[in-house]
Amino acid sequence: MPGVRSAPSGRDAGASPVELSIVSVAIILLLFTAIQIAAVFIARSAALSAAQEAVSAQRAYQAPPGVGVEKANAFLANTGDWLTMTEVTPAPAEAGEVAFTVSGRALSVIPGVAFPVSQTAHGTVERFTLD
């Protein structure tokens, strides 16, 4: 009879659910990978911002020692858990400069895997001069 379609043959029956299960696993892996990459970039941004906050506080005219570390830790406390196990340390710098390194681990959506993050910021110390 023209215009009437026959039922699919037995060998194709059930192929769609199998294909869907394979594709959905790949999509979920891509989704988690994208989330992890975003978490690492946000953690790097938080570390760099904390290091810049430390430098800004410490480079101020006659700033007391340690004010940069306090400022960075206060910033990280308000940032959230994107960056965990953080450590703020003064970095080596030339005379008349300050530098801070903020290191830690990015939030991980993959159990048991750590993504280390470290960012450094530099700046010149403000000083009084007579021109």
N, C-alpha and C. Protein backbone atom coordinates (compact mmCIF):
# COMPACT_ATOMS: atom_id res chain seq x y z
N MET A 1 0.82 -1.17 0.00
CA MET A 1 0.00 0.00 0.00
C MET A 1 0.88 1.24 0.00
N PRO A 2 0.58 2.14 -0.88
CA PRO A 2 1.38 3.35 -0.92
C PRO A 2 1.06 4.26 0.27
N GLY A 3 2.11 4.94 0.79
CA GLY A 3 1.94 5.90 1.88
C GLY A 3 1.93 5.27 3.25
N VAL A 4 2.02 3.98 3.36
CA VAL A 4 2.03 3.33 4.66
C VAL A 4 3.46 2.90 4.95
N ARG A 5 3.94 3.25 6.12
CA ARG A 5 5.31 2.90 6.49
C ARG A 5 5.30 1.62 7.29
N SER A 6 6.27 0.84 7.06
CA SER A 6 6.37 -0.41 7.81
C SER A 6 7.10 -0.16 9.13
N ALA A 7 6.90 -1.02 10.07
CA ALA A 7 7.56 -0.91 11.37
C ALA A 7 9.06 -1.13 11.19
N PRO A 8 9.88 -0.49 12.02
CA PRO A 8 11.32 -0.67 11.89
C PRO A 8 11.71 -2.12 12.13
N SER A 9 12.76 -2.50 11.48
CA SER A 9 13.23 -3.88 11.64
C SER A 9 13.76 -4.08 13.06
N GLY A 10 13.89 -5.29 13.48
CA GLY A 10 14.28 -5.63 14.83
C GLY A 10 15.68 -5.22 15.19
N ARG A 11 16.56 -5.08 14.22
CA ARG A 11 17.94 -4.78 14.56
C ARG A 11 18.14 -3.33 15.02
N ASP A 12 17.23 -2.40 14.70
CA ASP A 12 17.35 -1.01 15.14
C ASP A 12 16.59 -0.73 16.43
N ALA A 13 15.82 -1.66 16.90
CA ALA A 13 15.01 -1.44 18.10
C ALA A 13 15.93 -1.24 19.31
N GLY A 14 15.71 -0.17 20.07
CA GLY A 14 16.49 0.11 21.27
C GLY A 14 17.78 0.86 21.02
N ALA A 15 18.06 1.27 19.80
CA ALA A 15 19.30 1.97 19.51
C ALA A 15 19.31 3.38 20.09
N SER A 16 18.17 4.05 20.11
CA SER A 16 18.12 5.43 20.61
C SER A 16 18.46 5.55 22.09
N PRO A 17 17.93 4.69 22.97
CA PRO A 17 18.32 4.80 24.38
C PRO A 17 19.81 4.56 24.61
N VAL A 18 20.41 3.66 23.86
CA VAL A 18 21.85 3.40 24.01
C VAL A 18 22.64 4.62 23.55
N GLU A 19 22.26 5.19 22.43
CA GLU A 19 22.95 6.39 21.94
C GLU A 19 22.78 7.54 22.92
N LEU A 20 21.58 7.70 23.48
CA LEU A 20 21.32 8.77 24.44
C LEU A 20 22.17 8.59 25.69
N SER A 21 22.33 7.38 26.17
CA SER A 21 23.13 7.16 27.38
C SER A 21 24.60 7.48 27.13
N ILE A 22 25.12 7.17 25.96
CA ILE A 22 26.51 7.47 25.63
C ILE A 22 26.70 8.98 25.49
N VAL A 23 25.80 9.63 24.81
CA VAL A 23 25.91 11.08 24.61
C VAL A 23 25.72 11.83 25.92
N SER A 24 24.80 11.38 26.78
CA SER A 24 24.56 12.10 28.03
C SER A 24 25.76 12.01 28.96
N VAL A 25 26.48 10.91 28.97
CA VAL A 25 27.71 10.81 29.77
C VAL A 25 28.74 11.81 29.27
N ALA A 26 28.89 11.91 27.97
CA ALA A 26 29.84 12.88 27.40
C ALA A 26 29.44 14.31 27.73
N ILE A 27 28.15 14.61 27.68
CA ILE A 27 27.66 15.96 27.99
C ILE A 27 27.91 16.28 29.46
N ILE A 28 27.67 15.33 30.35
CA ILE A 28 27.90 15.56 31.77
C ILE A 28 29.38 15.79 32.04
N LEU A 29 30.26 15.03 31.42
CA LEU A 29 31.71 15.24 31.57
C LEU A 29 32.13 16.62 31.08
N LEU A 30 31.60 17.04 29.96
CA LEU A 30 31.91 18.38 29.45
C LEU A 30 31.40 19.47 30.40
N LEU A 31 30.23 19.26 30.96
CA LEU A 31 29.66 20.22 31.89
C LEU A 31 30.53 20.36 33.14
N PHE A 32 30.93 19.24 33.73
CA PHE A 32 31.78 19.29 34.92
C PHE A 32 33.16 19.88 34.60
N THR A 33 33.68 19.59 33.43
CA THR A 33 34.96 20.18 33.02
C THR A 33 34.84 21.69 32.91
N ALA A 34 33.77 22.17 32.31
CA ALA A 34 33.56 23.61 32.18
C ALA A 34 33.41 24.28 33.54
N ILE A 35 32.70 23.63 34.46
CA ILE A 35 32.54 24.18 35.80
C ILE A 35 33.89 24.23 36.52
N GLN A 36 34.70 23.18 36.37
CA GLN A 36 36.01 23.15 37.03
C GLN A 36 36.93 24.23 36.47
N ILE A 37 36.92 24.41 35.16
CA ILE A 37 37.76 25.45 34.55
C ILE A 37 37.33 26.83 35.06
N ALA A 38 36.03 27.06 35.14
CA ALA A 38 35.53 28.34 35.65
C ALA A 38 35.95 28.54 37.11
N ALA A 39 35.89 27.49 37.92
CA ALA A 39 36.28 27.60 39.33
C ALA A 39 37.76 27.95 39.46
N VAL A 40 38.61 27.38 38.61
CA VAL A 40 40.04 27.68 38.66
C VAL A 40 40.28 29.14 38.27
N PHE A 41 39.61 29.62 37.23
CA PHE A 41 39.80 31.00 36.82
C PHE A 41 39.28 31.98 37.86
N ILE A 42 38.18 31.67 38.52
CA ILE A 42 37.66 32.54 39.59
C ILE A 42 38.62 32.53 40.77
N ALA A 43 39.18 31.38 41.11
CA ALA A 43 40.16 31.30 42.20
C ALA A 43 41.41 32.11 41.88
N ARG A 44 41.87 32.04 40.62
CA ARG A 44 43.04 32.84 40.21
C ARG A 44 42.73 34.33 40.33
N SER A 45 41.53 34.72 39.94
CA SER A 45 41.13 36.12 40.04
C SER A 45 41.07 36.57 41.50
N ALA A 46 40.53 35.72 42.37
CA ALA A 46 40.45 36.04 43.79
C ALA A 46 41.85 36.16 44.39
N ALA A 47 42.76 35.27 44.01
CA ALA A 47 44.13 35.33 44.53
C ALA A 47 44.84 36.60 44.07
N LEU A 48 44.68 36.96 42.81
CA LEU A 48 45.30 38.18 42.30
C LEU A 48 44.72 39.42 42.96
N SER A 49 43.42 39.44 43.16
CA SER A 49 42.79 40.59 43.82
C SER A 49 43.27 40.71 45.27
N ALA A 50 43.40 39.60 45.96
CA ALA A 50 43.90 39.63 47.34
C ALA A 50 45.35 40.12 47.38
N ALA A 51 46.17 39.67 46.45
CA ALA A 51 47.56 40.13 46.39
C ALA A 51 47.61 41.63 46.09
N GLN A 52 46.75 42.12 45.21
CA GLN A 52 46.71 43.55 44.92
C GLN A 52 46.24 44.36 46.12
N GLU A 53 45.29 43.82 46.87
CA GLU A 53 44.84 44.49 48.10
C GLU A 53 45.99 44.58 49.10
N ALA A 54 46.76 43.51 49.23
CA ALA A 54 47.89 43.50 50.15
C ALA A 54 48.93 44.53 49.73
N VAL A 55 49.23 44.59 48.46
CA VAL A 55 50.21 45.55 47.96
C VAL A 55 49.70 46.98 48.18
N SER A 56 48.45 47.24 47.88
CA SER A 56 47.89 48.58 48.06
C SER A 56 47.98 49.04 49.51
N ALA A 57 47.71 48.14 50.43
CA ALA A 57 47.75 48.50 51.85
C ALA A 57 49.19 48.69 52.33
N GLN A 58 50.09 47.84 51.90
CA GLN A 58 51.46 47.88 52.40
C GLN A 58 52.29 48.99 51.76
N ARG A 59 51.93 49.42 50.57
CA ARG A 59 52.73 50.44 49.90
C ARG A 59 52.36 51.86 50.32
N ALA A 60 51.32 52.00 51.11
CA ALA A 60 50.91 53.33 51.59
C ALA A 60 52.03 53.96 52.41
N TYR A 61 52.06 55.27 52.42
CA TYR A 61 53.10 56.02 53.12
C TYR A 61 53.12 55.67 54.60
N GLN A 62 54.26 55.21 55.09
CA GLN A 62 54.50 54.80 56.48
C GLN A 62 53.51 53.74 56.97
N ALA A 63 53.19 52.79 56.14
CA ALA A 63 52.28 51.71 56.54
C ALA A 63 53.00 50.79 57.54
N PRO A 64 52.31 50.38 58.60
CA PRO A 64 52.95 49.48 59.57
C PRO A 64 53.18 48.10 58.96
N PRO A 65 54.21 47.40 59.41
CA PRO A 65 54.46 46.06 58.87
C PRO A 65 53.29 45.11 59.14
N GLY A 66 52.98 44.29 58.18
CA GLY A 66 51.93 43.29 58.34
C GLY A 66 50.54 43.75 57.93
N VAL A 67 50.37 45.03 57.63
CA VAL A 67 49.04 45.52 57.26
C VAL A 67 48.58 44.91 55.93
N GLY A 68 49.52 44.63 55.04
CA GLY A 68 49.18 44.03 53.75
C GLY A 68 48.61 42.63 53.91
N VAL A 69 49.23 41.83 54.77
CA VAL A 69 48.75 40.46 55.01
C VAL A 69 47.36 40.50 55.63
N GLU A 70 47.16 41.41 56.59
CA GLU A 70 45.84 41.52 57.21
C GLU A 70 44.77 41.90 56.19
N LYS A 71 45.09 42.85 55.31
CA LYS A 71 44.14 43.29 54.30
C LYS A 71 43.79 42.16 53.32
N ALA A 72 44.81 41.40 52.91
CA ALA A 72 44.58 40.28 51.99
C ALA A 72 43.73 39.20 52.64
N ASN A 73 44.01 38.90 53.89
CA ASN A 73 43.22 37.88 54.60
C ASN A 73 41.77 38.33 54.79
N ALA A 74 41.58 39.63 55.06
CA ALA A 74 40.21 40.15 55.18
C ALA A 74 39.48 40.06 53.84
N PHE A 75 40.18 40.35 52.76
CA PHE A 75 39.58 40.24 51.43
C PHE A 75 39.18 38.79 51.14
N LEU A 76 40.09 37.86 51.43
CA LEU A 76 39.81 36.44 51.16
C LEU A 76 38.67 35.91 52.03
N ALA A 77 38.54 36.44 53.24
CA ALA A 77 37.44 36.00 54.11
C ALA A 77 36.09 36.38 53.53
N ASN A 78 36.04 37.48 52.79
CA ASN A 78 34.78 37.94 52.21
C ASN A 78 34.57 37.46 50.79
N THR A 79 35.52 36.76 50.23
CA THR A 79 35.43 36.33 48.83
C THR A 79 34.61 35.06 48.66
N GLY A 80 34.63 34.19 49.63
CA GLY A 80 33.93 32.92 49.50
C GLY A 80 34.93 31.78 49.42
N ASP A 81 34.45 30.61 49.07
CA ASP A 81 35.28 29.41 49.08
C ASP A 81 35.89 29.07 47.73
N TRP A 82 35.98 30.02 46.83
CA TRP A 82 36.60 29.72 45.53
C TRP A 82 38.07 29.37 45.70
N LEU A 83 38.70 29.95 46.71
CA LEU A 83 40.11 29.72 46.98
C LEU A 83 40.21 29.23 48.42
N THR A 84 40.69 28.00 48.61
CA THR A 84 40.78 27.42 49.94
C THR A 84 42.24 27.18 50.32
N MET A 85 42.48 26.96 51.61
CA MET A 85 43.82 26.70 52.12
C MET A 85 44.78 27.80 51.68
N THR A 86 44.40 29.05 51.90
CA THR A 86 45.18 30.16 51.37
C THR A 86 46.35 30.51 52.28
N GLU A 87 47.36 31.09 51.66
CA GLU A 87 48.53 31.58 52.37
C GLU A 87 48.97 32.87 51.69
N VAL A 88 49.09 33.93 52.49
CA VAL A 88 49.54 35.22 51.98
C VAL A 88 50.95 35.45 52.51
N THR A 89 51.91 35.59 51.60
CA THR A 89 53.30 35.77 52.01
C THR A 89 53.93 36.93 51.25
N PRO A 90 54.77 37.71 51.93
CA PRO A 90 55.52 38.73 51.21
C PRO A 90 56.48 38.06 50.23
N ALA A 91 56.54 38.57 49.03
CA ALA A 91 57.42 38.01 48.00
C ALA A 91 58.68 38.86 47.92
N PRO A 92 59.77 38.28 47.44
CA PRO A 92 60.99 39.08 47.28
C PRO A 92 60.75 40.23 46.31
N ALA A 93 61.25 41.40 46.68
CA ALA A 93 61.09 42.58 45.84
C ALA A 93 62.35 43.43 45.95
N GLU A 94 62.54 44.31 44.98
CA GLU A 94 63.68 45.21 45.00
C GLU A 94 63.46 46.31 46.04
N ALA A 95 64.51 47.06 46.32
CA ALA A 95 64.41 48.16 47.29
C ALA A 95 63.35 49.16 46.81
N GLY A 96 62.53 49.60 47.74
CA GLY A 96 61.50 50.57 47.40
C GLY A 96 60.24 49.95 46.81
N GLU A 97 60.16 48.64 46.83
CA GLU A 97 58.98 47.94 46.30
C GLU A 97 58.44 46.97 47.33
N VAL A 98 57.19 46.63 47.19
CA VAL A 98 56.58 45.56 47.98
C VAL A 98 55.94 44.56 47.01
N ALA A 99 55.90 43.33 47.44
CA ALA A 99 55.28 42.27 46.63
C ALA A 99 54.66 41.25 47.57
N PHE A 100 53.53 40.72 47.17
CA PHE A 100 52.87 39.68 47.94
C PHE A 100 52.42 38.56 47.00
N THR A 101 52.51 37.35 47.52
CA THR A 101 52.05 36.17 46.80
C THR A 101 50.91 35.54 47.59
N VAL A 102 49.82 35.28 46.92
CA VAL A 102 48.68 34.58 47.53
C VAL A 102 48.58 33.22 46.86
N SER A 103 48.66 32.17 47.66
CA SER A 103 48.55 30.82 47.12
C SER A 103 47.47 30.05 47.85
N GLY A 104 46.96 29.07 47.18
CA GLY A 104 45.92 28.23 47.75
C GLY A 104 45.47 27.19 46.74
N ARG A 105 44.31 26.62 46.98
CA ARG A 105 43.75 25.64 46.07
C ARG A 105 42.38 26.09 45.61
N ALA A 106 42.13 25.89 44.33
CA ALA A 106 40.83 26.24 43.76
C ALA A 106 39.79 25.22 44.22
N LEU A 107 38.56 25.68 44.32
CA LEU A 107 37.43 24.80 44.64
C LEU A 107 37.38 23.69 43.60
N SER A 108 37.23 22.45 44.05
CA SER A 108 37.26 21.33 43.13
C SER A 108 35.92 20.60 43.11
N VAL A 109 35.41 20.35 41.91
CA VAL A 109 34.20 19.54 41.78
C VAL A 109 34.55 18.08 41.55
N ILE A 110 35.84 17.80 41.41
CA ILE A 110 36.32 16.43 41.24
C ILE A 110 36.93 16.00 42.56
N PRO A 111 36.34 15.02 43.24
CA PRO A 111 36.85 14.62 44.55
C PRO A 111 38.29 14.10 44.47
N GLY A 112 39.11 14.55 45.43
CA GLY A 112 40.47 14.06 45.52
C GLY A 112 41.47 14.73 44.59
N VAL A 113 41.03 15.68 43.79
CA VAL A 113 41.93 16.36 42.86
C VAL A 113 42.09 17.81 43.32
N ALA A 114 43.34 18.25 43.44
CA ALA A 114 43.63 19.62 43.87
C ALA A 114 44.15 20.43 42.70
N PHE A 115 43.73 21.67 42.64
CA PHE A 115 44.18 22.60 41.59
C PHE A 115 44.87 23.77 42.27
N PRO A 116 46.21 23.74 42.36
CA PRO A 116 46.92 24.82 43.05
C PRO A 116 46.86 26.13 42.27
N VAL A 117 46.75 27.22 43.01
CA VAL A 117 46.67 28.56 42.42
C VAL A 117 47.65 29.45 43.18
N SER A 118 48.39 30.26 42.45
CA SER A 118 49.32 31.20 43.07
C SER A 118 49.42 32.45 42.20
N GLN A 119 49.23 33.61 42.82
CA GLN A 119 49.30 34.88 42.11
C GLN A 119 50.14 35.87 42.92
N THR A 120 50.91 36.70 42.22
CA THR A 120 51.79 37.68 42.86
C THR A 120 51.49 39.07 42.31
N ALA A 121 51.54 40.06 43.20
CA ALA A 121 51.37 41.46 42.79
C ALA A 121 52.53 42.27 43.35
N HIS A 122 52.98 43.28 42.60
CA HIS A 122 54.11 44.14 42.98
C HIS A 122 53.65 45.59 42.96
N GLY A 123 54.33 46.42 43.74
CA GLY A 123 54.07 47.84 43.70
C GLY A 123 55.19 48.61 44.37
N THR A 124 55.32 49.87 44.04
CA THR A 124 56.35 50.70 44.65
C THR A 124 55.82 51.33 45.93
N VAL A 125 56.71 51.50 46.90
CA VAL A 125 56.34 52.08 48.17
C VAL A 125 56.24 53.58 48.01
N GLU A 126 55.18 54.16 48.57
CA GLU A 126 55.02 55.60 48.53
C GLU A 126 56.03 56.23 49.49
N ARG A 127 56.64 57.33 49.06
CA ARG A 127 57.60 58.01 49.93
C ARG A 127 57.49 59.50 49.71
N PHE A 128 57.89 60.21 50.72
CA PHE A 128 57.84 61.67 50.67
C PHE A 128 59.13 62.19 50.05
N THR A 129 59.00 63.05 49.05
CA THR A 129 60.17 63.66 48.42
C THR A 129 59.92 65.16 48.26
N LEU A 130 61.00 65.90 48.22
CA LEU A 130 60.92 67.34 47.96
C LEU A 130 61.41 67.56 46.54
N ASP A 131 60.59 68.11 45.73
CA ASP A 131 60.98 68.37 44.34
C ASP A 131 61.45 69.78 44.15
